[in-house]
Amino acid sequence: MSSPANDPRQPSTAKPYKPSPVAPQDLPIDYSGFIAVICGVFGAMFRYKICSWLAIIFSAQSLANMRNMENDLKQISMAMMFGIMGLMTNYLGVGPRGNKKT
């Protein structure tokens, strides 16, 4: 072990790390937001309950990891609306009607 007197590092010359700015179009794709939109559309159109729940979960995950405020918020809100619409049609919508014979 070396003693502190022989330490070659100089704390006075250290600079804090500053990440370089990245343009919004150069950011990687938000896969959880994309999956949320796809699941929301499937849940609303085909009345799949699991897809509607997955849309809500993936949109919450995408909201927590949001990088670009303007574009991501539009995508997340659309996915959340599709998920909520799918859940409402599944749980509160009219079910299949049977043939009434009277």
PDB file of N, CA and C in Angstrom:
ATOM      1  N   MET A   1       0.836  -1.182   0.000  1.00  0.00           N
ATOM      2  CA  MET A   1       0.000   0.000   0.000  1.00  0.00           C
ATOM      3  C   MET A   1       0.881   1.245   0.000  1.00  0.00           C
ATOM      4  N   SER A   2       0.439   2.212  -0.738  1.00  0.00           N
ATOM      5  CA  SER A   2       1.208   3.458  -0.761  1.00  0.00           C
ATOM      6  C   SER A   2       0.657   4.413   0.287  1.00  0.00           C
ATOM      7  N   SER A   3       1.493   5.264   0.732  1.00  0.00           N
ATOM      8  CA  SER A   3       1.081   6.232   1.744  1.00  0.00           C
ATOM      9  C   SER A   3       0.393   7.422   1.073  1.00  0.00           C
ATOM     10  N   PRO A   4      -0.421   8.180   1.803  1.00  0.00           N
ATOM     11  CA  PRO A   4      -1.106   9.329   1.204  1.00  0.00           C
ATOM     12  C   PRO A   4      -0.148  10.401   0.693  1.00  0.00           C
ATOM     13  N   ALA A   5       1.050  10.467   1.194  1.00  0.00           N
ATOM     14  CA  ALA A   5       2.002  11.477   0.726  1.00  0.00           C
ATOM     15  C   ALA A   5       2.478  11.165  -0.684  1.00  0.00           C
ATOM     16  N   ASN A   6       2.505   9.894  -1.090  1.00  0.00           N
ATOM     17  CA  ASN A   6       2.970   9.507  -2.423  1.00  0.00           C
ATOM     18  C   ASN A   6       1.838   9.394  -3.442  1.00  0.00           C
ATOM     19  N   ASP A   7       0.626   9.865  -3.131  1.00  0.00           N
ATOM     20  CA  ASP A   7      -0.529   9.751  -4.018  1.00  0.00           C
ATOM     21  C   ASP A   7      -0.376  10.722  -5.192  1.00  0.00           C
ATOM     22  N   PRO A   8      -0.331  10.230  -6.454  1.00  0.00           N
ATOM     23  CA  PRO A   8      -0.119  11.122  -7.607  1.00  0.00           C
ATOM     24  C   PRO A   8      -1.385  11.861  -8.051  1.00  0.00           C
ATOM     25  N   ARG A   9      -2.543  11.498  -7.530  1.00  0.00           N
ATOM     26  CA  ARG A   9      -3.768  12.174  -7.969  1.00  0.00           C
ATOM     27  C   ARG A   9      -3.842  13.597  -7.425  1.00  0.00           C
ATOM     28  N   GLN A  10      -4.485  14.471  -8.195  1.00  0.00           N
ATOM     29  CA  GLN A  10      -4.624  15.863  -7.792  1.00  0.00           C
ATOM     30  C   GLN A  10      -6.106  16.224  -7.757  1.00  0.00           C
ATOM     31  N   PRO A  11      -6.702  16.270  -6.578  1.00  0.00           N
ATOM     32  CA  PRO A  11      -8.140  16.565  -6.506  1.00  0.00           C
ATOM     33  C   PRO A  11      -8.500  17.963  -6.986  1.00  0.00           C
ATOM     34  N   SER A  12      -7.576  18.879  -7.013  1.00  0.00           N
ATOM     35  CA  SER A  12      -7.899  20.244  -7.444  1.00  0.00           C
ATOM     36  C   SER A  12      -8.120  20.313  -8.952  1.00  0.00           C
ATOM     37  N   THR A  13      -7.590  19.373  -9.718  1.00  0.00           N
ATOM     38  CA  THR A  13      -7.770  19.393 -11.173  1.00  0.00           C
ATOM     39  C   THR A  13      -8.928  18.521 -11.639  1.00  0.00           C
ATOM     40  N   ALA A  14      -9.626  17.875 -10.744  1.00  0.00           N
ATOM     41  CA  ALA A  14     -10.754  17.020 -11.129  1.00  0.00           C
ATOM     42  C   ALA A  14     -11.947  17.882 -11.539  1.00  0.00           C
ATOM     43  N   LYS A  15     -12.617  17.465 -12.626  1.00  0.00           N
ATOM     44  CA  LYS A  15     -13.788  18.177 -13.127  1.00  0.00           C
ATOM     45  C   LYS A  15     -14.986  17.246 -13.035  1.00  0.00           C
ATOM     46  N   PRO A  16     -16.145  17.770 -12.657  1.00  0.00           N
ATOM     47  CA  PRO A  16     -17.339  16.906 -12.613  1.00  0.00           C
ATOM     48  C   PRO A  16     -17.774  16.505 -14.031  1.00  0.00           C
ATOM     49  N   TYR A  17     -18.366  15.322 -14.145  1.00  0.00           N
ATOM     50  CA  TYR A  17     -18.804  14.808 -15.435  1.00  0.00           C
ATOM     51  C   TYR A  17     -20.079  15.516 -15.881  1.00  0.00           C
ATOM     52  N   LYS A  18     -20.087  15.996 -17.111  1.00  0.00           N
ATOM     53  CA  LYS A  18     -21.259  16.617 -17.701  1.00  0.00           C
ATOM     54  C   LYS A  18     -21.586  15.854 -18.979  1.00  0.00           C
ATOM     55  N   PRO A  19     -22.737  15.164 -19.022  1.00  0.00           N
ATOM     56  CA  PRO A  19     -23.078  14.423 -20.230  1.00  0.00           C
ATOM     57  C   PRO A  19     -23.355  15.366 -21.392  1.00  0.00           C
ATOM     58  N   SER A  20     -22.994  14.937 -22.588  1.00  0.00           N
ATOM     59  CA  SER A  20     -23.219  15.770 -23.761  1.00  0.00           C
ATOM     60  C   SER A  20     -24.709  15.768 -24.096  1.00  0.00           C
ATOM     61  N   PRO A  21     -25.236  16.901 -24.528  1.00  0.00           N
ATOM     62  CA  PRO A  21     -26.667  16.948 -24.861  1.00  0.00           C
ATOM     63  C   PRO A  21     -26.969  16.093 -26.093  1.00  0.00           C
ATOM     64  N   VAL A  22     -28.138  15.433 -26.048  1.00  0.00           N
ATOM     65  CA  VAL A  22     -28.571  14.571 -27.140  1.00  0.00           C
ATOM     66  C   VAL A  22     -29.862  15.138 -27.710  1.00  0.00           C
ATOM     67  N   ALA A  23     -29.943  15.203 -29.036  1.00  0.00           N
ATOM     68  CA  ALA A  23     -31.149  15.704 -29.689  1.00  0.00           C
ATOM     69  C   ALA A  23     -32.305  14.730 -29.468  1.00  0.00           C
ATOM     70  N   PRO A  24     -33.545  15.225 -29.383  1.00  0.00           N
ATOM     71  CA  PRO A  24     -34.692  14.339 -29.142  1.00  0.00           C
ATOM     72  C   PRO A  24     -34.859  13.254 -30.213  1.00  0.00           C
ATOM     73  N   GLN A  25     -34.523  13.549 -31.470  1.00  0.00           N
ATOM     74  CA  GLN A  25     -34.671  12.538 -32.514  1.00  0.00           C
ATOM     75  C   GLN A  25     -33.571  11.483 -32.456  1.00  0.00           C
ATOM     76  N   ASP A  26     -32.507  11.725 -31.707  1.00  0.00           N
ATOM     77  CA  ASP A  26     -31.424  10.758 -31.580  1.00  0.00           C
ATOM     78  C   ASP A  26     -31.579   9.844 -30.374  1.00  0.00           C
ATOM     79  N   LEU A  27     -32.617  10.057 -29.557  1.00  0.00           N
ATOM     80  CA  LEU A  27     -32.834   9.211 -28.393  1.00  0.00           C
ATOM     81  C   LEU A  27     -33.285   7.816 -28.831  1.00  0.00           C
ATOM     82  N   PRO A  28     -32.968   6.794 -28.063  1.00  0.00           N
ATOM     83  CA  PRO A  28     -33.422   5.450 -28.437  1.00  0.00           C
ATOM     84  C   PRO A  28     -34.942   5.324 -28.316  1.00  0.00           C
ATOM     85  N   ILE A  29     -35.478   4.323 -28.998  1.00  0.00           N
ATOM     86  CA  ILE A  29     -36.921   4.116 -29.031  1.00  0.00           C
ATOM     87  C   ILE A  29     -37.415   3.681 -27.654  1.00  0.00           C
ATOM     88  N   ASP A  30     -38.562   4.214 -27.261  1.00  0.00           N
ATOM     89  CA  ASP A  30     -39.189   3.831 -25.996  1.00  0.00           C
ATOM     90  C   ASP A  30     -40.039   2.594 -26.256  1.00  0.00           C
ATOM     91  N   TYR A  31     -39.453   1.423 -26.017  1.00  0.00           N
ATOM     92  CA  TYR A  31     -40.146   0.177 -26.331  1.00  0.00           C
ATOM     93  C   TYR A  31     -41.350  -0.055 -25.432  1.00  0.00           C
ATOM     94  N   SER A  32     -41.270   0.345 -24.175  1.00  0.00           N
ATOM     95  CA  SER A  32     -42.408   0.124 -23.284  1.00  0.00           C
ATOM     96  C   SER A  32     -43.607   0.979 -23.706  1.00  0.00           C
ATOM     97  N   GLY A  33     -43.372   2.171 -24.212  1.00  0.00           N
ATOM     98  CA  GLY A  33     -44.471   2.989 -24.725  1.00  0.00           C
ATOM     99  C   GLY A  33     -45.076   2.409 -25.984  1.00  0.00           C
ATOM    100  N   PHE A  34     -44.235   1.868 -26.854  1.00  0.00           N
ATOM    101  CA  PHE A  34     -44.718   1.243 -28.084  1.00  0.00           C
ATOM    102  C   PHE A  34     -45.545  -0.002 -27.768  1.00  0.00           C
ATOM    103  N   ILE A  35     -45.061  -0.828 -26.836  1.00  0.00           N
ATOM    104  CA  ILE A  35     -45.799  -2.028 -26.436  1.00  0.00           C
ATOM    105  C   ILE A  35     -47.114  -1.636 -25.774  1.00  0.00           C
ATOM    106  N   ALA A  36     -47.119  -0.541 -25.014  1.00  0.00           N
ATOM    107  CA  ALA A  36     -48.346  -0.083 -24.369  1.00  0.00           C
ATOM    108  C   ALA A  36     -49.393   0.311 -25.404  1.00  0.00           C
ATOM    109  N   VAL A  37     -48.970   0.979 -26.468  1.00  0.00           N
ATOM    110  CA  VAL A  37     -49.919   1.369 -27.514  1.00  0.00           C
ATOM    111  C   VAL A  37     -50.478   0.139 -28.216  1.00  0.00           C
ATOM    112  N   ILE A  38     -49.604  -0.811 -28.565  1.00  0.00           N
ATOM    113  CA  ILE A  38     -50.050  -2.019 -29.259  1.00  0.00           C
ATOM    114  C   ILE A  38     -51.020  -2.816 -28.376  1.00  0.00           C
ATOM    115  N   CYS A  39     -50.670  -2.998 -27.113  1.00  0.00           N
ATOM    116  CA  CYS A  39     -51.548  -3.742 -26.200  1.00  0.00           C
ATOM    117  C   CYS A  39     -52.862  -3.000 -25.978  1.00  0.00           C
ATOM    118  N   GLY A  40     -52.815  -1.679 -25.909  1.00  0.00           N
ATOM    119  CA  GLY A  40     -54.041  -0.905 -25.731  1.00  0.00           C
ATOM    120  C   GLY A  40     -54.984  -1.028 -26.910  1.00  0.00           C
ATOM    121  N   VAL A  41     -54.422  -1.011 -28.118  1.00  0.00           N
ATOM    122  CA  VAL A  41     -55.255  -1.162 -29.312  1.00  0.00           C
ATOM    123  C   VAL A  41     -55.863  -2.558 -29.360  1.00  0.00           C
ATOM    124  N   PHE A  42     -55.064  -3.588 -29.073  1.00  0.00           N
ATOM    125  CA  PHE A  42     -55.592  -4.954 -29.066  1.00  0.00           C
ATOM    126  C   PHE A  42     -56.653  -5.131 -27.979  1.00  0.00           C
ATOM    127  N   GLY A  43     -56.426  -4.541 -26.822  1.00  0.00           N
ATOM    128  CA  GLY A  43     -57.394  -4.657 -25.739  1.00  0.00           C
ATOM    129  C   GLY A  43     -58.703  -3.974 -26.062  1.00  0.00           C
ATOM    130  N   ALA A  44     -58.648  -2.826 -26.741  1.00  0.00           N
ATOM    131  CA  ALA A  44     -59.870  -2.104 -27.069  1.00  0.00           C
ATOM    132  C   ALA A  44     -60.597  -2.726 -28.262  1.00  0.00           C
ATOM    133  N   MET A  45     -59.853  -3.176 -29.263  1.00  0.00           N
ATOM    134  CA  MET A  45     -60.496  -3.698 -30.473  1.00  0.00           C
ATOM    135  C   MET A  45     -60.975  -5.137 -30.318  1.00  0.00           C
ATOM    136  N   PHE A  46     -60.158  -5.977 -29.709  1.00  0.00           N
ATOM    137  CA  PHE A  46     -60.479  -7.393 -29.629  1.00  0.00           C
ATOM    138  C   PHE A  46     -61.006  -7.814 -28.261  1.00  0.00           C
ATOM    139  N   ARG A  47     -61.153  -6.845 -27.367  1.00  0.00           N
ATOM    140  CA  ARG A  47     -61.690  -7.059 -26.013  1.00  0.00           C
ATOM    141  C   ARG A  47     -60.884  -8.085 -25.232  1.00  0.00           C
ATOM    142  N   TYR A  48     -59.563  -7.950 -25.271  1.00  0.00           N
ATOM    143  CA  TYR A  48     -58.675  -8.788 -24.467  1.00  0.00           C
ATOM    144  C   TYR A  48     -58.377  -8.040 -23.172  1.00  0.00           C
ATOM    145  N   LYS A  49     -58.787  -8.614 -22.052  1.00  0.00           N
ATOM    146  CA  LYS A  49     -58.575  -7.950 -20.765  1.00  0.00           C
ATOM    147  C   LYS A  49     -57.095  -7.863 -20.423  1.00  0.00           C
ATOM    148  N   ILE A  50     -56.362  -8.937 -20.707  1.00  0.00           N
ATOM    149  CA  ILE A  50     -54.935  -8.951 -20.359  1.00  0.00           C
ATOM    150  C   ILE A  50     -54.163  -7.889 -21.142  1.00  0.00           C
ATOM    151  N   CYS A  51     -54.553  -7.657 -22.383  1.00  0.00           N
ATOM    152  CA  CYS A  51     -53.881  -6.616 -23.172  1.00  0.00           C
ATOM    153  C   CYS A  51     -54.168  -5.227 -22.621  1.00  0.00           C
ATOM    154  N   SER A  52     -55.386  -5.013 -22.161  1.00  0.00           N
ATOM    155  CA  SER A  52     -55.714  -3.710 -21.576  1.00  0.00           C
ATOM    156  C   SER A  52     -54.939  -3.477 -20.282  1.00  0.00           C
ATOM    157  N   TRP A  53     -54.824  -4.512 -19.459  1.00  0.00           N
ATOM    158  CA  TRP A  53     -54.040  -4.375 -18.230  1.00  0.00           C
ATOM    159  C   TRP A  53     -52.562  -4.173 -18.539  1.00  0.00           C
ATOM    160  N   LEU A  54     -52.050  -4.891 -19.540  1.00  0.00           N
ATOM    161  CA  LEU A  54     -50.644  -4.708 -19.917  1.00  0.00           C
ATOM    162  C   LEU A  54     -50.401  -3.306 -20.462  1.00  0.00           C
ATOM    163  N   ALA A  55     -51.372  -2.751 -21.171  1.00  0.00           N
ATOM    164  CA  ALA A  55     -51.231  -1.381 -21.673  1.00  0.00           C
ATOM    165  C   ALA A  55     -51.117  -0.390 -20.529  1.00  0.00           C
ATOM    166  N   ILE A  56     -51.914  -0.573 -19.484  1.00  0.00           N
ATOM    167  CA  ILE A  56     -51.840   0.316 -18.319  1.00  0.00           C
ATOM    168  C   ILE A  56     -50.481   0.174 -17.628  1.00  0.00           C
ATOM    169  N   ILE A  57     -50.017  -1.058 -17.478  1.00  0.00           N
ATOM    170  CA  ILE A  57     -48.739  -1.299 -16.793  1.00  0.00           C
ATOM    171  C   ILE A  57     -47.572  -0.742 -17.596  1.00  0.00           C
ATOM    172  N   PHE A  58     -47.550  -1.006 -18.906  1.00  0.00           N
ATOM    173  CA  PHE A  58     -46.443  -0.508 -19.728  1.00  0.00           C
ATOM    174  C   PHE A  58     -46.483   1.008 -19.874  1.00  0.00           C
ATOM    175  N   SER A  59     -47.660   1.611 -19.885  1.00  0.00           N
ATOM    176  CA  SER A  59     -47.700   3.069 -19.969  1.00  0.00           C
ATOM    177  C   SER A  59     -47.233   3.705 -18.658  1.00  0.00           C
ATOM    178  N   ALA A  60     -47.503   3.059 -17.521  1.00  0.00           N
ATOM    179  CA  ALA A  60     -46.974   3.572 -16.253  1.00  0.00           C
ATOM    180  C   ALA A  60     -45.453   3.447 -16.222  1.00  0.00           C
ATOM    181  N   GLN A  61     -44.930   2.349 -16.753  1.00  0.00           N
ATOM    182  CA  GLN A  61     -43.477   2.177 -16.830  1.00  0.00           C
ATOM    183  C   GLN A  61     -42.858   3.215 -17.760  1.00  0.00           C
ATOM    184  N   SER A  62     -43.494   3.458 -18.874  1.00  0.00           N
ATOM    185  CA  SER A  62     -42.980   4.454 -19.812  1.00  0.00           C
ATOM    186  C   SER A  62     -43.060   5.857 -19.226  1.00  0.00           C
ATOM    187  N   LEU A  63     -44.091   6.120 -18.439  1.00  0.00           N
ATOM    188  CA  LEU A  63     -44.206   7.425 -17.783  1.00  0.00           C
ATOM    189  C   LEU A  63     -43.084   7.623 -16.761  1.00  0.00           C
ATOM    190  N   ALA A  64     -42.716   6.544 -16.077  1.00  0.00           N
ATOM    191  CA  ALA A  64     -41.641   6.645 -15.088  1.00  0.00           C
ATOM    192  C   ALA A  64     -40.280   6.840 -15.742  1.00  0.00           C
ATOM    193  N   ASN A  65     -40.093   6.336 -16.966  1.00  0.00           N
ATOM    194  CA  ASN A  65     -38.805   6.423 -17.660  1.00  0.00           C
ATOM    195  C   ASN A  65     -38.830   7.423 -18.804  1.00  0.00           C
ATOM    196  N   MET A  66     -39.679   8.433 -18.727  1.00  0.00           N
ATOM    197  CA  MET A  66     -39.858   9.378 -19.825  1.00  0.00           C
ATOM    198  C   MET A  66     -38.605  10.238 -20.022  1.00  0.00           C
ATOM    199  N   ARG A  67     -38.168  10.347 -21.279  1.00  0.00           N
ATOM    200  CA  ARG A  67     -36.988  11.155 -21.595  1.00  0.00           C
ATOM    201  C   ARG A  67     -37.373  12.452 -22.296  1.00  0.00           C
ATOM    202  N   ASN A  68     -38.195  12.355 -23.325  1.00  0.00           N
ATOM    203  CA  ASN A  68     -38.609  13.521 -24.093  1.00  0.00           C
ATOM    204  C   ASN A  68     -40.038  13.868 -23.691  1.00  0.00           C
ATOM    205  N   MET A  69     -40.207  15.000 -23.045  1.00  0.00           N
ATOM    206  CA  MET A  69     -41.491  15.343 -22.438  1.00  0.00           C
ATOM    207  C   MET A  69     -42.609  15.454 -23.462  1.00  0.00           C
ATOM    208  N   GLU A  70     -42.370  16.133 -24.580  1.00  0.00           N
ATOM    209  CA  GLU A  70     -43.452  16.427 -25.520  1.00  0.00           C
ATOM    210  C   GLU A  70     -43.914  15.186 -26.284  1.00  0.00           C
ATOM    211  N   ASN A  71     -42.995  14.479 -26.918  1.00  0.00           N
ATOM    212  CA  ASN A  71     -43.370  13.328 -27.736  1.00  0.00           C
ATOM    213  C   ASN A  71     -43.796  12.147 -26.886  1.00  0.00           C
ATOM    214  N   ASP A  72     -43.085  11.875 -25.813  1.00  0.00           N
ATOM    215  CA  ASP A  72     -43.409  10.722 -24.977  1.00  0.00           C
ATOM    216  C   ASP A  72     -44.746  10.896 -24.272  1.00  0.00           C
ATOM    217  N   LEU A  73     -45.080  12.108 -23.882  1.00  0.00           N
ATOM    218  CA  LEU A  73     -46.334  12.339 -23.177  1.00  0.00           C
ATOM    219  C   LEU A  73     -47.527  12.066 -24.086  1.00  0.00           C
ATOM    220  N   LYS A  74     -47.400  12.410 -25.369  1.00  0.00           N
ATOM    221  CA  LYS A  74     -48.478  12.122 -26.323  1.00  0.00           C
ATOM    222  C   LYS A  74     -48.666  10.623 -26.480  1.00  0.00           C
ATOM    223  N   GLN A  75     -47.563   9.905 -26.615  1.00  0.00           N
ATOM    224  CA  GLN A  75     -47.639   8.458 -26.803  1.00  0.00           C
ATOM    225  C   GLN A  75     -48.169   7.773 -25.545  1.00  0.00           C
ATOM    226  N   ILE A  76     -47.718   8.209 -24.386  1.00  0.00           N
ATOM    227  CA  ILE A  76     -48.154   7.593 -23.128  1.00  0.00           C
ATOM    228  C   ILE A  76     -49.631   7.868 -22.882  1.00  0.00           C
ATOM    229  N   SER A  77     -50.071   9.102 -23.153  1.00  0.00           N
ATOM    230  CA  SER A  77     -51.482   9.418 -22.933  1.00  0.00           C
ATOM    231  C   SER A  77     -52.373   8.634 -23.891  1.00  0.00           C
ATOM    232  N   MET A  78     -51.925   8.438 -25.140  1.00  0.00           N
ATOM    233  CA  MET A  78     -52.704   7.642 -26.086  1.00  0.00           C
ATOM    234  C   MET A  78     -52.785   6.187 -25.632  1.00  0.00           C
ATOM    235  N   ALA A  79     -51.671   5.634 -25.164  1.00  0.00           N
ATOM    236  CA  ALA A  79     -51.667   4.247 -24.685  1.00  0.00           C
ATOM    237  C   ALA A  79     -52.535   4.104 -23.445  1.00  0.00           C
ATOM    238  N   MET A  80     -52.482   5.077 -22.551  1.00  0.00           N
ATOM    239  CA  MET A  80     -53.305   5.020 -21.340  1.00  0.00           C
ATOM    240  C   MET A  80     -54.782   5.109 -21.686  1.00  0.00           C
ATOM    241  N   MET A  81     -55.140   5.954 -22.647  1.00  0.00           N
ATOM    242  CA  MET A  81     -56.541   6.069 -23.045  1.00  0.00           C
ATOM    243  C   MET A  81     -57.044   4.778 -23.695  1.00  0.00           C
ATOM    244  N   PHE A  82     -56.221   4.158 -24.549  1.00  0.00           N
ATOM    245  CA  PHE A  82     -56.618   2.884 -25.152  1.00  0.00           C
ATOM    246  C   PHE A  82     -56.773   1.814 -24.076  1.00  0.00           C
ATOM    247  N   GLY A  83     -55.875   1.791 -23.108  1.00  0.00           N
ATOM    248  CA  GLY A  83     -55.974   0.813 -22.030  1.00  0.00           C
ATOM    249  C   GLY A  83     -57.212   1.008 -21.189  1.00  0.00           C
ATOM    250  N   ILE A  84     -57.509   2.251 -20.825  1.00  0.00           N
ATOM    251  CA  ILE A  84     -58.701   2.541 -20.030  1.00  0.00           C
ATOM    252  C   ILE A  84     -59.963   2.252 -20.830  1.00  0.00           C
ATOM    253  N   MET A  85     -59.946   2.615 -22.121  1.00  0.00           N
ATOM    254  CA  MET A  85     -61.105   2.341 -22.961  1.00  0.00           C
ATOM    255  C   MET A  85     -61.337   0.834 -23.095  1.00  0.00           C
ATOM    256  N   GLY A  86     -60.250   0.067 -23.240  1.00  0.00           N
ATOM    257  CA  GLY A  86     -60.380  -1.388 -23.321  1.00  0.00           C
ATOM    258  C   GLY A  86     -60.910  -1.974 -22.029  1.00  0.00           C
ATOM    259  N   LEU A  87     -60.438  -1.479 -20.884  1.00  0.00           N
ATOM    260  CA  LEU A  87     -60.944  -1.982 -19.602  1.00  0.00           C
ATOM    261  C   LEU A  87     -62.415  -1.634 -19.398  1.00  0.00           C
ATOM    262  N   MET A  88     -62.798  -0.430 -19.811  1.00  0.00           N
ATOM    263  CA  MET A  88     -64.200  -0.040 -19.653  1.00  0.00           C
ATOM    264  C   MET A  88     -65.101  -0.861 -20.556  1.00  0.00           C
ATOM    265  N   THR A  89     -64.679  -1.139 -21.778  1.00  0.00           N
ATOM    266  CA  THR A  89     -65.523  -1.955 -22.650  1.00  0.00           C
ATOM    267  C   THR A  89     -65.562  -3.401 -22.179  1.00  0.00           C
ATOM    268  N   ASN A  90     -64.493  -3.872 -21.570  1.00  0.00           N
ATOM    269  CA  ASN A  90     -64.484  -5.258 -21.089  1.00  0.00           C
ATOM    270  C   ASN A  90     -65.317  -5.437 -19.830  1.00  0.00           C
ATOM    271  N   TYR A  91     -65.190  -4.526 -18.886  1.00  0.00           N
ATOM    272  CA  TYR A  91     -65.858  -4.710 -17.603  1.00  0.00           C
ATOM    273  C   TYR A  91     -67.217  -4.034 -17.516  1.00  0.00           C
ATOM    274  N   LEU A  92     -67.414  -2.928 -18.223  1.00  0.00           N
ATOM    275  CA  LEU A  92     -68.672  -2.203 -18.127  1.00  0.00           C
ATOM    276  C   LEU A  92     -69.505  -2.285 -19.395  1.00  0.00           C
ATOM    277  N   GLY A  93     -68.953  -2.835 -20.462  1.00  0.00           N
ATOM    278  CA  GLY A  93     -69.645  -2.882 -21.741  1.00  0.00           C
ATOM    279  C   GLY A  93     -70.735  -3.934 -21.765  1.00  0.00           C
ATOM    280  N   VAL A  94     -71.470  -3.904 -22.854  1.00  0.00           N
ATOM    281  CA  VAL A  94     -72.549  -4.857 -23.057  1.00  0.00           C
ATOM    282  C   VAL A  94     -71.953  -6.177 -23.497  1.00  0.00           C
ATOM    283  N   GLY A  95     -72.365  -7.250 -22.845  1.00  0.00           N
ATOM    284  CA  GLY A  95     -71.870  -8.572 -23.185  1.00  0.00           C
ATOM    285  C   GLY A  95     -72.600  -9.138 -24.399  1.00  0.00           C
ATOM    286  N   PRO A  96     -72.218 -10.316 -24.815  1.00  0.00           N
ATOM    287  CA  PRO A  96     -72.890 -10.932 -25.963  1.00  0.00           C
ATOM    288  C   PRO A  96     -74.334 -11.274 -25.596  1.00  0.00           C
ATOM    289  N   ARG A  97     -75.223 -11.026 -26.525  1.00  0.00           N
ATOM    290  CA  ARG A  97     -76.642 -11.270 -26.273  1.00  0.00           C
ATOM    291  C   ARG A  97     -77.027 -12.648 -26.797  1.00  0.00           C
ATOM    292  N   GLY A  98     -77.818 -13.336 -26.031  1.00  0.00           N
ATOM    293  CA  GLY A  98     -78.302 -14.638 -26.446  1.00  0.00           C
ATOM    294  C   GLY A  98     -79.590 -14.498 -27.239  1.00  0.00           C
ATOM    295  N   ASN A  99     -79.960 -15.548 -27.904  1.00  0.00           N
ATOM    296  CA  ASN A  99     -81.212 -15.542 -28.656  1.00  0.00           C
ATOM    297  C   ASN A  99     -82.375 -15.731 -27.684  1.00  0.00           C
ATOM    298  N   LYS A 100     -83.313 -14.823 -27.756  1.00  0.00           N
ATOM    299  CA  LYS A 100     -84.496 -14.931 -26.892  1.00  0.00           C
ATOM    300  C   LYS A 100     -85.596 -15.636 -27.670  1.00  0.00           C
ATOM    301  N   LYS A 101     -86.088 -16.700 -27.102  1.00  0.00           N
ATOM    302  CA  LYS A 101     -87.189 -17.415 -27.720  1.00  0.00           C
ATOM    303  C   LYS A 101     -88.418 -17.275 -26.834  1.00  0.00           C
ATOM    304  N   THR A 102     -89.343 -16.486 -27.284  1.00  0.00           N
ATOM    305  CA  THR A 102     -90.581 -16.320 -26.522  1.00  0.00           C
ATOM    306  C   THR A 102     -91.781 -16.563 -27.387  1.00  0.00           C
TER     307      THR A 102
END
